Protein backbone atom coordinates (compact mmCIF):
# COMPACT_ATOMS: atom_id res chain seq x y z
CA MET A 1 152.21 94.34 -12.85
CA THR A 2 150.50 91.60 -10.86
CA MET A 3 148.16 89.07 -12.44
CA THR A 4 146.28 86.01 -11.25
CA ILE A 5 144.65 83.23 -13.20
CA ASP A 6 141.34 81.99 -11.84
CA SER A 7 139.52 79.19 -13.71
CA GLY A 8 141.30 80.07 -16.94
CA THR A 9 140.53 83.78 -16.62
CA LEU A 10 143.39 86.29 -16.37
CA TRP A 11 142.83 89.03 -13.78
CA MET A 12 145.14 92.05 -13.57
CA HIS A 13 145.58 93.91 -10.28
CA ALA A 14 144.57 97.54 -10.83
CA CYS A 15 144.74 99.21 -7.38
CA GLU A 16 143.63 98.93 -3.78
CA VAL A 17 139.86 99.44 -3.41
CA GLY A 18 140.63 102.12 -0.81
CA ASP A 19 142.43 104.12 -3.51
CA LEU A 20 139.07 104.73 -5.20
CA GLU A 21 136.72 107.34 -3.86
CA PRO A 22 133.03 106.34 -4.05
CA GLY A 23 131.16 108.10 -6.85
CA TRP A 24 134.34 109.09 -8.75
CA GLY A 25 136.42 107.44 -11.46
CA GLU A 26 140.13 106.87 -11.75
CA VAL A 27 142.24 105.61 -14.64
CA ALA A 28 144.31 102.45 -14.49
CA LEU A 29 146.84 101.49 -17.15
CA LEU A 30 146.47 97.76 -17.67
CA GLY A 31 149.05 96.66 -20.19
CA ASP A 32 148.53 99.09 -23.06
CA ARG A 33 144.87 99.77 -22.23
CA GLN A 34 143.49 102.69 -20.21
CA VAL A 35 140.59 101.53 -18.05
CA ALA A 36 138.31 103.83 -16.05
CA LEU A 37 137.51 102.34 -12.65
CA VAL A 38 134.39 103.57 -10.92
CA ARG A 39 133.66 102.71 -7.28
CA LEU A 40 130.10 103.03 -6.11
CA GLU A 41 128.86 102.12 -2.60
CA GLY A 42 131.05 99.79 -0.52
CA ASP A 43 133.28 97.65 -2.71
CA GLU A 44 131.11 97.79 -5.84
CA VAL A 45 133.56 98.60 -8.66
CA TYR A 46 132.98 98.85 -12.41
CA ALA A 47 135.60 98.95 -15.16
CA VAL A 48 134.93 100.62 -18.54
CA ASP A 49 137.10 101.84 -21.38
CA HIS A 50 138.56 105.27 -20.66
CA ARG A 51 137.86 106.43 -24.27
CA ASP A 52 134.59 108.23 -24.94
CA PRO A 53 132.80 106.22 -27.66
CA HIS A 54 131.46 109.39 -29.30
CA THR A 55 134.70 111.42 -29.52
CA GLY A 56 137.50 108.95 -28.81
CA ALA A 57 138.88 111.30 -26.15
CA PRO A 58 140.28 109.61 -23.01
CA VAL A 59 137.90 111.18 -20.47
CA MET A 60 135.43 108.57 -19.13
CA ALA A 61 137.07 108.38 -15.69
CA ARG A 62 135.93 112.00 -15.29
CA GLY A 63 132.36 111.08 -16.15
CA ILE A 64 129.36 111.79 -13.99
CA THR A 65 128.03 108.77 -12.09
CA GLY A 66 124.34 108.24 -11.49
CA SER A 67 121.60 105.71 -12.20
CA ARG A 68 118.68 104.93 -14.41
CA GLY A 69 116.28 103.05 -12.19
CA ASP A 70 118.45 100.41 -10.49
CA ARG A 71 121.12 100.48 -13.22
CA PRO A 72 124.33 102.38 -12.36
CA THR A 73 125.42 104.81 -15.06
CA ILE A 74 128.23 107.09 -16.15
CA ALA A 75 127.76 110.15 -18.38
CA SER A 76 130.48 111.34 -20.69
CA PRO A 77 131.92 114.62 -19.40
CA LEU A 78 132.02 115.95 -22.97
CA HIS A 79 128.59 115.47 -24.57
CA LYS A 80 126.74 113.87 -21.63
CA GLU A 81 125.84 110.59 -23.34
CA VAL A 82 124.72 108.24 -20.53
CA TYR A 83 126.05 104.66 -20.39
CA ASP A 84 125.11 101.66 -18.29
CA LEU A 85 128.22 100.86 -16.21
CA ALA A 86 127.53 97.11 -16.29
CA THR A 87 126.68 96.60 -19.98
CA GLY A 88 128.06 99.69 -21.79
CA GLU A 89 124.65 100.32 -23.37
CA CYS A 90 124.12 103.99 -24.26
CA PHE A 91 120.75 105.27 -23.07
CA THR A 92 120.92 108.50 -25.07
CA ASP A 93 122.28 107.24 -28.40
CA PRO A 94 121.68 103.55 -29.22
CA SER A 95 124.37 103.65 -31.91
CA LEU A 96 127.07 104.06 -29.22
CA ALA A 97 128.41 101.50 -26.71
CA LEU A 98 131.06 101.81 -24.05
CA PRO A 99 133.34 98.76 -23.75
CA THR A 100 133.11 97.20 -20.27
CA TYR A 101 135.37 94.84 -18.36
CA ARG A 102 134.58 92.48 -15.50
CA ALA A 103 135.97 93.79 -12.22
CA ARG A 104 136.12 92.27 -8.76
CA VAL A 105 137.57 93.04 -5.37
CA VAL A 106 139.73 90.32 -3.77
CA ASP A 107 141.29 90.92 -0.36
CA GLY A 108 140.93 94.67 -0.87
CA VAL A 109 142.51 94.69 -4.34
CA VAL A 110 140.59 95.71 -7.48
CA GLU A 111 141.19 93.21 -10.26
CA VAL A 112 140.08 93.60 -13.88
CA GLU A 113 139.62 90.76 -16.31
CA VAL A 114 141.92 90.99 -19.32
CA ALA A 115 142.19 88.97 -22.46
CA VAL A 116 144.33 85.83 -22.10
CA PRO A 117 147.37 86.06 -24.39
CA ALA A 118 147.22 83.62 -27.26
């Protein structure tokens, strides 16, 4: 497991950006956490929790990508709740929220921000 520290932030290498097909999600195991990685156009990658906030099932990487205006979204494959990929806000049920993680692409590698160990 490869990690880098950048300005006090711990970034974990998830995969090569080329391993992700645009418009589809894949799951990365980062430590003990399952993270759904979603690549949109080019090297635009989002990272969200793989667990569906409504059911707790690990399915979000199989969600349906889309948009609401200029905001990229993912819909749960189970009950079709629609979440903002950047903020985790649920458009269809305000009581739900999808945990999100910062993601970036560095030299063709997708990195996800993880909590710095205490």
